[in-house]
Amino acid sequence: MTNFTRRDTFRIAAGGLAVTGGLVAMPSILRAANYPSRPINVIVPFATGGYNDRLSRAFAPYLEKELGQPLVIVNKPGAGTQLGNSYALNQPADGYSIMCTSAAPYIPLTVLLQGAPYKVEDFSMLNLPSRDYTLAATSADSPIKTFAEVIEKLKKDPSSLSIGVQPASADYANMVLAMQASEIDPTKLRVVTYDGGGPARNATAGAQVDVGFVGGEGFLPLKTKIRPLAIFAAEKVDWYPSAPLLAESGVKSDFVEGSQRGWAVTTKLKNEQPDIYKFLAGAVERASKNPQAIEALEKQELATTWYGPEASDKAYRDNASKMAKYVALLK
């Protein structure tokens, strides 16, 4: 318990801080003022090697500079991010645990499909710089040349090709939607699931599966080892202009946006520690706009675009609404 003299009280009040009810608000203000005083954990609800894992490690030196404390990357993969999400929610709301995650669609999907013990609203975004799209791809040496060939083979025999995908993901949702639009029963497909985008991409590039449905941005470091077949986007994307649009394959299917990746905290932290939340958001903004960070992450084909909390939260919640639209179909 910190003791305050009468002079301390008036000095703090003169600095613009409210002094009411016997300094009821003082402890949280002081905690925010002293924050951070020790290393901060970055919870990544995915296995090592995936986009979020690489983003967290590449961005860490620049965010550490703004925070004044080291970051400790904590990988908590499993159950389509449910394990990592639950772990984050169980941490104290003190600012010493933040997240680097594909917030949408993974959080909504664990709520909608897995009965996760939390709500979409339990998480608040700091910044989601990466806006991904599902890419259907094969290994560079595969005899399959087009997505139309994939559809043709699966129509004749749904088990003729192995399909790699992460369950409870936008990629899984888009795979199901494309199959149903092509009058292929998704339940008869030979699906191989992976606990993270990194393992699924490696399996695709290494021809361990015939076709992979995974976020396209994460494929960029492997682009010489894969053949893009179809990207689930309305327009060509700048970072993968050679990827054919799904519509160009002749498949008329709706699709959900891919992973929206970046930095998040629990809404409990945002509500109970607004000063810490603002400090974290400011640190992420400064690091995101650091020219050295931008250059370093661009070399690794990682995003640093600053959208900010408001725009990132809107994108996250809009994606959650679209996932809810298809929940019956996905079940």
C-alpha atoms as a PDB file:
ATOM      1  CA  MET A   1       0.000   0.000   0.000  1.00  0.00           C
ATOM      2  CA  THR A   2       1.456   3.360  -1.019  1.00  0.00           C
ATOM      3  CA  ASN A   3       1.068   6.219   1.490  1.00  0.00           C
ATOM      4  CA  PHE A   4       0.372   9.747   0.197  1.00  0.00           C
ATOM      5  CA  THR A   5       0.982  12.989   2.019  1.00  0.00           C
ATOM      6  CA  ARG A   6      -1.388  15.945   1.640  1.00  0.00           C
ATOM      7  CA  ARG A   7       1.265  17.616  -0.534  1.00  0.00           C
ATOM      8  CA  ASP A   8       1.492  14.487  -2.748  1.00  0.00           C
ATOM      9  CA  THR A   9      -2.275  14.558  -3.184  1.00  0.00           C
ATOM     10  CA  PHE A  10      -2.401  18.148  -4.360  1.00  0.00           C
ATOM     11  CA  ARG A  11       0.662  17.695  -6.566  1.00  0.00           C
ATOM     12  CA  ILE A  12      -1.049  14.818  -8.390  1.00  0.00           C
ATOM     13  CA  ALA A  13      -4.300  16.752  -8.630  1.00  0.00           C
ATOM     14  CA  ALA A  14      -2.462  19.741 -10.076  1.00  0.00           C
ATOM     15  CA  GLY A  15      -1.061  17.449 -12.752  1.00  0.00           C
ATOM     16  CA  GLY A  16      -4.580  16.912 -14.073  1.00  0.00           C
ATOM     17  CA  LEU A  17      -5.509  13.647 -12.337  1.00  0.00           C
ATOM     18  CA  ALA A  18      -8.889  13.385 -10.643  1.00  0.00           C
ATOM     19  CA  VAL A  19      -8.747  13.050  -6.859  1.00  0.00           C
ATOM     20  CA  THR A  20     -12.060  11.841  -5.527  1.00  0.00           C
ATOM     21  CA  GLY A  21     -13.420   9.460  -2.936  1.00  0.00           C
ATOM     22  CA  GLY A  22     -10.192   9.123  -0.988  1.00  0.00           C
ATOM     23  CA  LEU A  23      -8.012   8.492  -4.058  1.00  0.00           C
ATOM     24  CA  VAL A  24     -10.005   5.464  -5.200  1.00  0.00           C
ATOM     25  CA  ALA A  25      -8.645   5.846  -8.747  1.00  0.00           C
ATOM     26  CA  MET A  26      -5.022   6.270  -7.753  1.00  0.00           C
ATOM     27  CA  PRO A  27      -3.752   2.642  -7.704  1.00  0.00           C
ATOM     28  CA  SER A  28      -4.721   1.921 -11.341  1.00  0.00           C
ATOM     29  CA  ILE A  29      -3.255   5.252 -12.447  1.00  0.00           C
ATOM     30  CA  LEU A  30       0.025   4.455 -10.768  1.00  0.00           C
ATOM     31  CA  ARG A  31       0.099   0.954 -12.195  1.00  0.00           C
ATOM     32  CA  ALA A  32      -0.327   2.416 -15.664  1.00  0.00           C
ATOM     33  CA  ALA A  33       2.388   4.980 -14.973  1.00  0.00           C
ATOM     34  CA  ASN A  34       4.843   2.248 -13.947  1.00  0.00           C
ATOM     35  CA  TYR A  35       3.903  -0.049 -16.808  1.00  0.00           C
ATOM     36  CA  PRO A  36       5.688  -2.012 -18.121  1.00  0.00           C
ATOM     37  CA  SER A  37       8.219  -3.026 -15.493  1.00  0.00           C
ATOM     38  CA  ARG A  38       8.929  -6.588 -16.638  1.00  0.00           C
ATOM     39  CA  PRO A  39       8.906  -8.701 -19.851  1.00  0.00           C
ATOM     40  CA  ILE A  40       5.628  -9.031 -21.750  1.00  0.00           C
ATOM     41  CA  ASN A  41       4.346 -12.336 -23.111  1.00  0.00           C
ATOM     42  CA  VAL A  42       3.126 -12.474 -26.707  1.00  0.00           C
ATOM     43  CA  ILE A  43       0.630 -15.323 -27.001  1.00  0.00           C
ATOM     44  CA  VAL A  44       0.531 -16.887 -30.472  1.00  0.00           C
ATOM     45  CA  PRO A  45      -2.301 -19.467 -30.740  1.00  0.00           C
ATOM     46  CA  PHE A  46      -0.502 -21.287 -33.567  1.00  0.00           C
ATOM     47  CA  ALA A  47       2.468 -23.579 -34.050  1.00  0.00           C
ATOM     48  CA  THR A  48       5.897 -22.194 -34.887  1.00  0.00           C
ATOM     49  CA  GLY A  49       6.602 -21.363 -38.521  1.00  0.00           C
ATOM     50  CA  GLY A  50       3.220 -19.910 -39.452  1.00  0.00           C
ATOM     51  CA  TYR A  51       2.550 -16.302 -40.399  1.00  0.00           C
ATOM     52  CA  ASN A  52       1.616 -15.122 -36.900  1.00  0.00           C
ATOM     53  CA  ASP A  53       4.656 -16.763 -35.382  1.00  0.00           C
ATOM     54  CA  ARG A  54       6.953 -15.145 -37.938  1.00  0.00           C
ATOM     55  CA  LEU A  55       5.194 -11.782 -37.581  1.00  0.00           C
ATOM     56  CA  SER A  56       5.531 -11.806 -33.803  1.00  0.00           C
ATOM     57  CA  ARG A  57       9.254 -12.602 -33.939  1.00  0.00           C
ATOM     58  CA  ALA A  58      10.103 -10.192 -36.749  1.00  0.00           C
ATOM     59  CA  PHE A  59       8.154  -7.307 -35.199  1.00  0.00           C
ATOM     60  CA  ALA A  60       9.349  -7.961 -31.649  1.00  0.00           C
ATOM     61  CA  PRO A  61      12.613  -5.924 -31.739  1.00  0.00           C
ATOM     62  CA  TYR A  62      10.765  -2.794 -32.870  1.00  0.00           C
ATOM     63  CA  LEU A  63       7.895  -3.200 -30.419  1.00  0.00           C
ATOM     64  CA  GLU A  64      10.368  -3.926 -27.610  1.00  0.00           C
ATOM     65  CA  LYS A  65      12.029  -0.595 -28.340  1.00  0.00           C
ATOM     66  CA  GLU A  66       8.717   1.222 -27.872  1.00  0.00           C
ATOM     67  CA  LEU A  67       7.713  -0.743 -24.782  1.00  0.00           C
ATOM     68  CA  GLY A  68      11.089  -0.649 -23.091  1.00  0.00           C
ATOM     69  CA  GLN A  69      10.801  -4.326 -22.157  1.00  0.00           C
ATOM     70  CA  PRO A  70      11.603  -7.633 -23.886  1.00  0.00           C
ATOM     71  CA  LEU A  71       8.860  -9.718 -25.462  1.00  0.00           C
ATOM     72  CA  VAL A  72       8.574 -13.453 -24.843  1.00  0.00           C
ATOM     73  CA  ILE A  73       6.871 -15.393 -27.647  1.00  0.00           C
ATOM     74  CA  VAL A  74       4.539 -18.052 -26.214  1.00  0.00           C
ATOM     75  CA  ASN A  75       3.151 -20.503 -28.801  1.00  0.00           C
ATOM     76  CA  LYS A  76      -0.119 -22.087 -27.679  1.00  0.00           C
ATOM     77  CA  PRO A  77      -1.482 -24.017 -30.696  1.00  0.00           C
ATOM     78  CA  GLY A  78      -4.462 -26.315 -30.620  1.00  0.00           C
ATOM     79  CA  ALA A  79      -8.195 -26.666 -31.271  1.00  0.00           C
ATOM     80  CA  GLY A  80      -8.247 -24.068 -34.033  1.00  0.00           C
ATOM     81  CA  THR A  81      -6.816 -21.356 -31.678  1.00  0.00           C
ATOM     82  CA  GLN A  82      -9.263 -22.152 -28.874  1.00  0.00           C
ATOM     83  CA  LEU A  83      -6.458 -23.259 -26.549  1.00  0.00           C
ATOM     84  CA  GLY A  84      -4.436 -20.098 -27.118  1.00  0.00           C
ATOM     85  CA  ASN A  85      -7.490 -17.850 -26.893  1.00  0.00           C
ATOM     86  CA  SER A  86      -8.571 -19.421 -23.610  1.00  0.00           C
ATOM     87  CA  TYR A  87      -5.033 -19.163 -22.273  1.00  0.00           C
ATOM     88  CA  ALA A  88      -4.966 -15.432 -23.080  1.00  0.00           C
ATOM     89  CA  LEU A  89      -8.311 -14.842 -21.359  1.00  0.00           C
ATOM     90  CA  ASN A  90      -7.073 -16.629 -18.242  1.00  0.00           C
ATOM     91  CA  GLN A  91      -4.112 -14.258 -17.831  1.00  0.00           C
ATOM     92  CA  PRO A  92      -4.372 -11.258 -15.491  1.00  0.00           C
ATOM     93  CA  ALA A  93      -5.658  -8.120 -17.218  1.00  0.00           C
ATOM     94  CA  ASP A  94      -2.452  -6.254 -16.410  1.00  0.00           C
ATOM     95  CA  GLY A  95      -0.902  -5.713 -19.849  1.00  0.00           C
ATOM     96  CA  TYR A  96       1.766  -8.381 -19.485  1.00  0.00           C
ATOM     97  CA  SER A  97       0.061 -10.693 -21.964  1.00  0.00           C
ATOM     98  CA  ILE A  98      -0.855  -9.558 -25.478  1.00  0.00           C
ATOM     99  CA  MET A  99      -1.709 -11.583 -28.574  1.00  0.00           C
ATOM    100  CA  CYS A 100      -0.377 -11.925 -32.094  1.00  0.00           C
ATOM    101  CA  THR A 101      -3.094 -13.861 -33.849  1.00  0.00           C
ATOM    102  CA  SER A 102      -5.377 -14.366 -36.810  1.00  0.00           C
ATOM    103  CA  ALA A 103      -8.280 -12.892 -34.880  1.00  0.00           C
ATOM    104  CA  ALA A 104     -10.762 -13.365 -37.682  1.00  0.00           C
ATOM    105  CA  PRO A 105     -11.995 -15.805 -38.643  1.00  0.00           C
ATOM    106  CA  TYR A 106     -10.451 -18.096 -36.026  1.00  0.00           C
ATOM    107  CA  ILE A 107     -12.003 -16.576 -32.908  1.00  0.00           C
ATOM    108  CA  PRO A 108     -15.508 -16.453 -34.451  1.00  0.00           C
ATOM    109  CA  LEU A 109     -15.177 -19.977 -35.795  1.00  0.00           C
ATOM    110  CA  THR A 110     -14.191 -21.437 -32.428  1.00  0.00           C
ATOM    111  CA  VAL A 111     -17.271 -19.748 -30.957  1.00  0.00           C
ATOM    112  CA  LEU A 112     -19.620 -20.815 -33.747  1.00  0.00           C
ATOM    113  CA  LEU A 113     -18.366 -24.327 -34.423  1.00  0.00           C
ATOM    114  CA  GLN A 114     -16.640 -25.496 -31.261  1.00  0.00           C
ATOM    115  CA  GLY A 115     -18.722 -23.960 -28.509  1.00  0.00           C
ATOM    116  CA  ALA A 116     -15.726 -22.067 -27.144  1.00  0.00           C
ATOM    117  CA  PRO A 117     -16.277 -20.717 -23.614  1.00  0.00           C
ATOM    118  CA  TYR A 118     -15.851 -17.091 -24.701  1.00  0.00           C
ATOM    119  CA  LYS A 119     -17.434 -14.532 -27.019  1.00  0.00           C
ATOM    120  CA  VAL A 120     -16.218 -12.625 -30.068  1.00  0.00           C
ATOM    121  CA  GLU A 121     -16.534  -9.462 -27.981  1.00  0.00           C
ATOM    122  CA  ASP A 122     -14.069 -10.760 -25.371  1.00  0.00           C
ATOM    123  CA  PHE A 123     -11.181  -9.682 -27.620  1.00  0.00           C
ATOM    124  CA  SER A 124     -10.221  -6.180 -28.764  1.00  0.00           C
ATOM    125  CA  MET A 125      -7.881  -5.361 -31.615  1.00  0.00           C
ATOM    126  CA  LEU A 126      -4.838  -3.103 -31.444  1.00  0.00           C
ATOM    127  CA  ASN A 127      -3.961  -3.457 -35.133  1.00  0.00           C
ATOM    128  CA  LEU A 128      -4.564  -6.069 -37.833  1.00  0.00           C
ATOM    129  CA  PRO A 129      -1.990  -5.231 -40.530  1.00  0.00           C
ATOM    130  CA  SER A 130      -2.373  -8.455 -42.511  1.00  0.00           C
ATOM    131  CA  ARG A 131      -5.568  -9.036 -44.519  1.00  0.00           C
ATOM    132  CA  ASP A 132      -5.196 -12.415 -46.158  1.00  0.00           C
ATOM    133  CA  TYR A 133      -7.131 -14.482 -48.697  1.00  0.00           C
ATOM    134  CA  THR A 134      -7.402 -18.238 -49.044  1.00  0.00           C
ATOM    135  CA  LEU A 135      -5.151 -19.671 -51.735  1.00  0.00           C
ATOM    136  CA  ALA A 136      -5.709 -23.107 -53.238  1.00  0.00           C
ATOM    137  CA  ALA A 137      -2.327 -24.435 -54.359  1.00  0.00           C
ATOM    138  CA  THR A 138      -0.327 -27.520 -55.262  1.00  0.00           C
ATOM    139  CA  SER A 139       3.375 -28.250 -55.196  1.00  0.00           C
ATOM    140  CA  ALA A 140       5.338 -26.785 -58.090  1.00  0.00           C
ATOM    141  CA  ASP A 141       5.951 -30.307 -59.470  1.00  0.00           C
ATOM    142  CA  SER A 142       2.316 -31.405 -59.314  1.00  0.00           C
ATOM    143  CA  PRO A 143       0.685 -32.605 -62.541  1.00  0.00           C
ATOM    144  CA  ILE A 144      -2.342 -30.476 -61.597  1.00  0.00           C
ATOM    145  CA  LYS A 145      -2.215 -27.178 -63.491  1.00  0.00           C
ATOM    146  CA  THR A 146      -5.573 -25.493 -62.787  1.00  0.00           C
ATOM    147  CA  PHE A 147      -8.310 -25.346 -60.178  1.00  0.00           C
ATOM    148  CA  ALA A 148     -10.754 -26.518 -62.837  1.00  0.00           C
ATOM    149  CA  GLU A 149      -8.796 -29.787 -62.959  1.00  0.00           C
ATOM    150  CA  VAL A 150      -9.181 -30.166 -59.198  1.00  0.00           C
ATOM    151  CA  ILE A 151     -12.939 -29.713 -59.443  1.00  0.00           C
ATOM    152  CA  GLU A 152     -13.182 -32.130 -62.372  1.00  0.00           C
ATOM    153  CA  LYS A 153     -11.268 -34.850 -60.507  1.00  0.00           C
ATOM    154  CA  LEU A 154     -13.248 -34.400 -57.306  1.00  0.00           C
ATOM    155  CA  LYS A 155     -16.564 -34.504 -59.153  1.00  0.00           C
ATOM    156  CA  LYS A 156     -15.638 -37.890 -60.569  1.00  0.00           C
ATOM    157  CA  ASP A 157     -14.277 -39.159 -57.245  1.00  0.00           C
ATOM    158  CA  PRO A 158     -14.292 -36.931 -54.115  1.00  0.00           C
ATOM    159  CA  SER A 159     -11.552 -39.052 -52.544  1.00  0.00           C
ATOM    160  CA  SER A 160      -9.225 -38.922 -55.565  1.00  0.00           C
ATOM    161  CA  LEU A 161      -7.169 -36.040 -54.156  1.00  0.00           C
ATOM    162  CA  SER A 162      -5.906 -35.345 -50.666  1.00  0.00           C
ATOM    163  CA  ILE A 163      -6.705 -31.870 -49.395  1.00  0.00           C
ATOM    164  CA  GLY A 164      -4.668 -30.096 -46.717  1.00  0.00           C
ATOM    165  CA  VAL A 165      -6.369 -27.468 -44.572  1.00  0.00           C
ATOM    166  CA  GLN A 166      -6.546 -26.146 -41.029  1.00  0.00           C
ATOM    167  CA  PRO A 167      -9.893 -26.939 -39.393  1.00  0.00           C
ATOM    168  CA  ALA A 168     -12.088 -24.126 -38.037  1.00  0.00           C
ATOM    169  CA  SER A 169     -10.499 -21.614 -40.388  1.00  0.00           C
ATOM    170  CA  ALA A 170     -11.516 -19.292 -43.216  1.00  0.00           C
ATOM    171  CA  ASP A 171      -9.651 -21.650 -45.523  1.00  0.00           C
ATOM    172  CA  TYR A 172     -11.799 -24.559 -44.384  1.00  0.00           C
ATOM    173  CA  ALA A 173     -14.947 -22.482 -44.819  1.00  0.00           C
ATOM    174  CA  ASN A 174     -13.951 -21.454 -48.323  1.00  0.00           C
ATOM    175  CA  MET A 175     -13.039 -25.001 -49.273  1.00  0.00           C
ATOM    176  CA  VAL A 176     -16.501 -26.186 -48.183  1.00  0.00           C
ATOM    177  CA  LEU A 177     -18.262 -23.338 -50.010  1.00  0.00           C
ATOM    178  CA  ALA A 178     -16.332 -23.998 -53.238  1.00  0.00           C
ATOM    179  CA  MET A 179     -17.075 -27.721 -53.085  1.00  0.00           C
ATOM    180  CA  GLN A 180     -20.772 -27.195 -52.462  1.00  0.00           C
ATOM    181  CA  ALA A 181     -20.962 -24.631 -55.270  1.00  0.00           C
ATOM    182  CA  SER A 182     -19.440 -27.319 -57.514  1.00  0.00           C
ATOM    183  CA  GLU A 183     -21.944 -29.938 -56.285  1.00  0.00           C
ATOM    184  CA  ILE A 184     -19.258 -31.951 -54.520  1.00  0.00           C
ATOM    185  CA  ASP A 185     -20.137 -33.440 -51.128  1.00  0.00           C
ATOM    186  CA  PRO A 186     -17.493 -32.075 -48.683  1.00  0.00           C
ATOM    187  CA  THR A 187     -18.061 -34.991 -46.302  1.00  0.00           C
ATOM    188  CA  LYS A 188     -16.691 -37.393 -48.927  1.00  0.00           C
ATOM    189  CA  LEU A 189     -13.424 -35.529 -49.443  1.00  0.00           C
ATOM    190  CA  ARG A 190     -10.102 -36.953 -48.276  1.00  0.00           C
ATOM    191  CA  VAL A 191      -9.134 -34.097 -45.953  1.00  0.00           C
ATOM    192  CA  VAL A 192      -5.855 -33.916 -44.028  1.00  0.00           C
ATOM    193  CA  THR A 193      -5.953 -31.363 -41.200  1.00  0.00           C
ATOM    194  CA  TYR A 194      -3.025 -29.396 -39.782  1.00  0.00           C
ATOM    195  CA  ASP A 195      -2.757 -27.431 -36.559  1.00  0.00           C
ATOM    196  CA  GLY A 196      -1.569 -24.211 -38.125  1.00  0.00           C
ATOM    197  CA  GLY A 197      -0.998 -22.509 -41.463  1.00  0.00           C
ATOM    198  CA  GLY A 198       2.737 -23.190 -41.457  1.00  0.00           C
ATOM    199  CA  PRO A 199       2.434 -26.998 -41.348  1.00  0.00           C
ATOM    200  CA  ALA A 200      -0.359 -26.935 -43.965  1.00  0.00           C
ATOM    201  CA  ARG A 201       1.748 -24.821 -46.338  1.00  0.00           C
ATOM    202  CA  ASN A 202       4.798 -27.024 -45.867  1.00  0.00           C
ATOM    203  CA  ALA A 203       2.692 -30.097 -46.612  1.00  0.00           C
ATOM    204  CA  THR A 204       1.406 -28.466 -49.798  1.00  0.00           C
ATOM    205  CA  ALA A 205       4.842 -27.350 -50.981  1.00  0.00           C
ATOM    206  CA  GLY A 206       6.307 -30.749 -50.116  1.00  0.00           C
ATOM    207  CA  ALA A 207       3.562 -32.628 -52.016  1.00  0.00           C
ATOM    208  CA  GLN A 208       2.420 -34.391 -48.843  1.00  0.00           C
ATOM    209  CA  VAL A 209      -1.093 -33.417 -49.966  1.00  0.00           C
ATOM    210  CA  ASP A 210      -2.358 -32.922 -53.517  1.00  0.00           C
ATOM    211  CA  VAL A 211      -4.021 -29.572 -52.862  1.00  0.00           C
ATOM    212  CA  GLY A 212      -3.747 -27.143 -49.966  1.00  0.00           C
ATOM    213  CA  PHE A 213      -6.213 -24.438 -48.933  1.00  0.00           C
ATOM    214  CA  VAL A 214      -4.238 -21.937 -46.846  1.00  0.00           C
ATOM    215  CA  GLY A 215      -3.808 -18.183 -46.414  1.00  0.00           C
ATOM    216  CA  GLY A 216      -1.954 -16.891 -49.465  1.00  0.00           C
ATOM    217  CA  GLU A 217       0.348 -14.373 -47.765  1.00  0.00           C
ATOM    218  CA  GLY A 218       2.025 -17.089 -45.766  1.00  0.00           C
ATOM    219  CA  PHE A 219       2.809 -18.922 -49.018  1.00  0.00           C
ATOM    220  CA  LEU A 220       4.994 -16.077 -50.310  1.00  0.00           C
ATOM    221  CA  PRO A 221       8.284 -17.406 -48.843  1.00  0.00           C
ATOM    222  CA  LEU A 222       7.443 -20.726 -50.566  1.00  0.00           C
ATOM    223  CA  LYS A 223       6.245 -19.266 -53.867  1.00  0.00           C
ATOM    224  CA  THR A 224       8.932 -21.038 -55.912  1.00  0.00           C
ATOM    225  CA  LYS A 225       7.826 -24.366 -54.445  1.00  0.00           C
ATOM    226  CA  ILE A 226       4.091 -24.098 -55.136  1.00  0.00           C
ATOM    227  CA  ARG A 227       1.687 -23.520 -58.019  1.00  0.00           C
ATOM    228  CA  PRO A 228      -1.215 -21.158 -57.198  1.00  0.00           C
ATOM    229  CA  LEU A 229      -4.518 -22.497 -58.496  1.00  0.00           C
ATOM    230  CA  ALA A 230      -7.143 -20.081 -57.193  1.00  0.00           C
ATOM    231  CA  ILE A 231      -7.276 -17.178 -54.770  1.00  0.00           C
ATOM    232  CA  PHE A 232     -10.535 -16.492 -52.949  1.00  0.00           C
ATOM    233  CA  ALA A 233     -10.690 -12.755 -53.615  1.00  0.00           C
ATOM    234  CA  ALA A 234     -12.862 -10.433 -55.683  1.00  0.00           C
ATOM    235  CA  GLU A 235      -9.887  -8.702 -57.321  1.00  0.00           C
ATOM    236  CA  LYS A 236      -6.253  -9.508 -58.013  1.00  0.00           C
ATOM    237  CA  VAL A 237      -4.057  -9.000 -54.968  1.00  0.00           C
ATOM    238  CA  ASP A 238      -0.875  -6.952 -55.224  1.00  0.00           C
ATOM    239  CA  TRP A 239       1.258  -9.392 -53.265  1.00  0.00           C
ATOM    240  CA  TYR A 240       0.331 -12.393 -55.471  1.00  0.00           C
ATOM    241  CA  PRO A 241      -0.726 -11.066 -58.906  1.00  0.00           C
ATOM    242  CA  SER A 242      -0.058 -14.404 -60.630  1.00  0.00           C
ATOM    243  CA  ALA A 243      -2.705 -16.199 -58.563  1.00  0.00           C
ATOM    244  CA  PRO A 244      -5.879 -16.778 -60.650  1.00  0.00           C
ATOM    245  CA  LEU A 245      -9.128 -15.575 -59.092  1.00  0.00           C
ATOM    246  CA  LEU A 246     -11.598 -18.255 -58.032  1.00  0.00           C
ATOM    247  CA  ALA A 247     -14.135 -16.862 -60.506  1.00  0.00           C
ATOM    248  CA  GLU A 248     -11.657 -17.420 -63.353  1.00  0.00           C
ATOM    249  CA  SER A 249     -11.785 -21.154 -62.657  1.00  0.00           C
ATOM    250  CA  GLY A 250     -15.490 -21.251 -63.431  1.00  0.00           C
ATOM    251  CA  VAL A 251     -16.540 -21.783 -59.808  1.00  0.00           C
ATOM    252  CA  LYS A 252     -19.232 -19.319 -58.756  1.00  0.00           C
ATOM    253  CA  SER A 253     -18.995 -19.389 -54.992  1.00  0.00           C
ATOM    254  CA  ASP A 254     -19.306 -16.951 -52.146  1.00  0.00           C
ATOM    255  CA  PHE A 255     -16.313 -16.822 -49.814  1.00  0.00           C
ATOM    256  CA  VAL A 256     -15.247 -15.310 -46.540  1.00  0.00           C
ATOM    257  CA  GLU A 257     -12.267 -13.047 -46.079  1.00  0.00           C
ATOM    258  CA  GLY A 258      -9.110 -14.758 -45.041  1.00  0.00           C
ATOM    259  CA  SER A 259      -7.140 -14.307 -41.874  1.00  0.00           C
ATOM    260  CA  GLN A 260      -6.973 -10.837 -40.363  1.00  0.00           C
ATOM    261  CA  ARG A 261      -3.710 -11.045 -38.497  1.00  0.00           C
ATOM    262  CA  GLY A 262      -2.031  -8.862 -35.981  1.00  0.00           C
ATOM    263  CA  TRP A 263      -2.115  -7.584 -32.428  1.00  0.00           C
ATOM    264  CA  ALA A 264      -4.924  -7.945 -29.916  1.00  0.00           C
ATOM    265  CA  VAL A 265      -5.681  -7.863 -26.201  1.00  0.00           C
ATOM    266  CA  THR A 266      -8.574  -9.004 -24.064  1.00  0.00           C
ATOM    267  CA  THR A 267     -11.504  -6.621 -23.821  1.00  0.00           C
ATOM    268  CA  LYS A 268     -11.202  -6.951 -20.050  1.00  0.00           C
ATOM    269  CA  LEU A 269      -7.797  -5.253 -20.266  1.00  0.00           C
ATOM    270  CA  LYS A 270      -9.209  -2.517 -22.512  1.00  0.00           C
ATOM    271  CA  ASN A 271     -12.060  -1.828 -20.087  1.00  0.00           C
ATOM    272  CA  GLU A 272     -10.234  -2.201 -16.782  1.00  0.00           C
ATOM    273  CA  GLN A 273      -6.878  -0.706 -17.746  1.00  0.00           C
ATOM    274  CA  PRO A 274      -7.611   1.922 -20.413  1.00  0.00           C
ATOM    275  CA  ASP A 275      -4.286   3.702 -19.857  1.00  0.00           C
ATOM    276  CA  ILE A 276      -2.328   0.503 -20.430  1.00  0.00           C
ATOM    277  CA  TYR A 277      -4.479  -0.272 -23.483  1.00  0.00           C
ATOM    278  CA  LYS A 278      -3.749   3.160 -24.951  1.00  0.00           C
ATOM    279  CA  PHE A 279      -0.055   2.776 -24.178  1.00  0.00           C
ATOM    280  CA  LEU A 280       0.048  -0.584 -25.967  1.00  0.00           C
ATOM    281  CA  ALA A 281      -1.852   0.782 -28.973  1.00  0.00           C
ATOM    282  CA  GLY A 282       0.539   3.725 -29.175  1.00  0.00           C
ATOM    283  CA  ALA A 283       3.566   1.447 -28.981  1.00  0.00           C
ATOM    284  CA  VAL A 284       2.227  -0.792 -31.770  1.00  0.00           C
ATOM    285  CA  GLU A 285       1.467   2.276 -33.899  1.00  0.00           C
ATOM    286  CA  ARG A 286       4.957   3.736 -33.501  1.00  0.00           C
ATOM    287  CA  ALA A 287       6.609   0.407 -34.209  1.00  0.00           C
ATOM    288  CA  SER A 288       4.363  -0.153 -37.247  1.00  0.00           C
ATOM    289  CA  LYS A 289       5.377   3.209 -38.692  1.00  0.00           C
ATOM    290  CA  ASN A 290       9.085   2.741 -37.966  1.00  0.00           C
ATOM    291  CA  PRO A 291      10.835   2.806 -41.391  1.00  0.00           C
ATOM    292  CA  GLN A 292      13.317   0.167 -40.226  1.00  0.00           C
ATOM    293  CA  ALA A 293      10.494  -2.127 -39.137  1.00  0.00           C
ATOM    294  CA  ILE A 294       8.667  -1.627 -42.433  1.00  0.00           C
ATOM    295  CA  GLU A 295      11.799  -2.432 -44.439  1.00  0.00           C
ATOM    296  CA  ALA A 296      12.714  -5.469 -42.330  1.00  0.00           C
ATOM    297  CA  LEU A 297       9.237  -6.984 -42.422  1.00  0.00           C
ATOM    298  CA  GLU A 298       8.779  -6.309 -46.138  1.00  0.00           C
ATOM    299  CA  LYS A 299      11.902  -8.371 -46.786  1.00  0.00           C
ATOM    300  CA  GLN A 300      10.185 -11.261 -45.009  1.00  0.00           C
ATOM    301  CA  GLU A 301       6.902 -10.493 -46.812  1.00  0.00           C
ATOM    302  CA  LEU A 302       5.157  -9.586 -43.562  1.00  0.00           C
ATOM    303  CA  ALA A 303       2.687  -6.730 -43.140  1.00  0.00           C
ATOM    304  CA  THR A 304       3.060  -3.662 -40.901  1.00  0.00           C
ATOM    305  CA  THR A 305       0.225  -1.480 -42.263  1.00  0.00           C
ATOM    306  CA  TRP A 306      -1.280   0.673 -39.513  1.00  0.00           C
ATOM    307  CA  TYR A 307      -5.094   0.533 -39.512  1.00  0.00           C
ATOM    308  CA  GLY A 308      -5.542   1.245 -35.825  1.00  0.00           C
ATOM    309  CA  PRO A 309      -7.868  -0.188 -33.172  1.00  0.00           C
ATOM    310  CA  GLU A 310     -11.157   1.182 -34.508  1.00  0.00           C
ATOM    311  CA  ALA A 311     -10.740   0.010 -38.109  1.00  0.00           C
ATOM    312  CA  SER A 312      -9.225  -3.298 -37.006  1.00  0.00           C
ATOM    313  CA  ASP A 313     -12.081  -3.989 -34.590  1.00  0.00           C
ATOM    314  CA  LYS A 314     -14.631  -3.233 -37.327  1.00  0.00           C
ATOM    315  CA  ALA A 315     -12.949  -5.601 -39.803  1.00  0.00           C
ATOM    316  CA  TYR A 316     -12.797  -8.301 -37.122  1.00  0.00           C
ATOM    317  CA  ARG A 317     -16.464  -7.971 -36.174  1.00  0.00           C
ATOM    318  CA  ASP A 318     -17.642  -7.727 -39.793  1.00  0.00           C
ATOM    319  CA  ASN A 319     -15.842 -10.987 -40.566  1.00  0.00           C
ATOM    320  CA  ALA A 320     -17.423 -12.566 -37.501  1.00  0.00           C
ATOM    321  CA  SER A 321     -20.865 -11.584 -38.816  1.00  0.00           C
ATOM    322  CA  LYS A 322     -20.171 -13.219 -42.169  1.00  0.00           C
ATOM    323  CA  MET A 323     -18.987 -16.394 -40.491  1.00  0.00           C
ATOM    324  CA  ALA A 324     -22.229 -16.463 -38.499  1.00  0.00           C
ATOM    325  CA  LYS A 325     -24.091 -16.304 -41.814  1.00  0.00           C
ATOM    326  CA  TYR A 326     -22.565 -19.634 -42.837  1.00  0.00           C
ATOM    327  CA  VAL A 327     -22.471 -21.396 -39.485  1.00  0.00           C
ATOM    328  CA  ALA A 328     -25.286 -23.840 -40.336  1.00  0.00           C
ATOM    329  CA  LEU A 329     -23.603 -24.713 -43.612  1.00  0.00           C
ATOM    330  CA  LEU A 330     -20.228 -25.292 -41.953  1.00  0.00           C
ATOM    331  CA  LYS A 331     -21.689 -27.481 -39.234  1.00  0.00           C
END
